């Protein structure tokens, strides 16, 4: 019998969709080989564990199938979407466990590198205004090693000169724990406090 886990989703589902999802997941947990579930791998997906499953005629659940030799199969559900959108998300998103805080998160697959070298984010030229987070003394090492941000995101957070720019960027981050951590930085929370982020799927 497979195990089912809900990812750390920000998606807000209508009640009727929630009920359909629960019914789908109940069937999945009973037998993931049922033909009506249509658990299908995604061709050329960034994460080979990506699957979609049919919630109803129009909606598809985005799933990640995790198989381990010593235990049951686990499905991580990352949301419910219209058919085409669900397929695109399953094709382009990678499931990972953040190595610092243990939160399971979806991240966009890295873009293919050009023949010469991979494109990288380049900080804006320095201005006369100091970065907003300078006043709190945060470093890129704090944000990566203690909070779990990737280096590019950490450098971007540290580069914003104005609080409103930082807050707008924080709201655009793809995972709830990242948003919460960035907002905590904006008000000067201690890095030690940031380490207490919830370990949640």
Foldseek 3Di string as FASTA:
>chain_A
DEAEFEALEPDDDDPVLVVLVVVLVVVCVVPVPPVQQQFAAAPQALERQWTWTDSDPFKIWIWGWDDDPPDHIYIYTHDMDGDVVSSVQSRFWDWDQQPQQRHIDIDGRQDDAPPVGRDADDADPDDPAAAQLVVLVDDLCLCCRLQRDDSRVSVVLRRHRDLVVQLVVLVVDRGPLSSVVSVCSSVNHDSVVSSPPDNGD
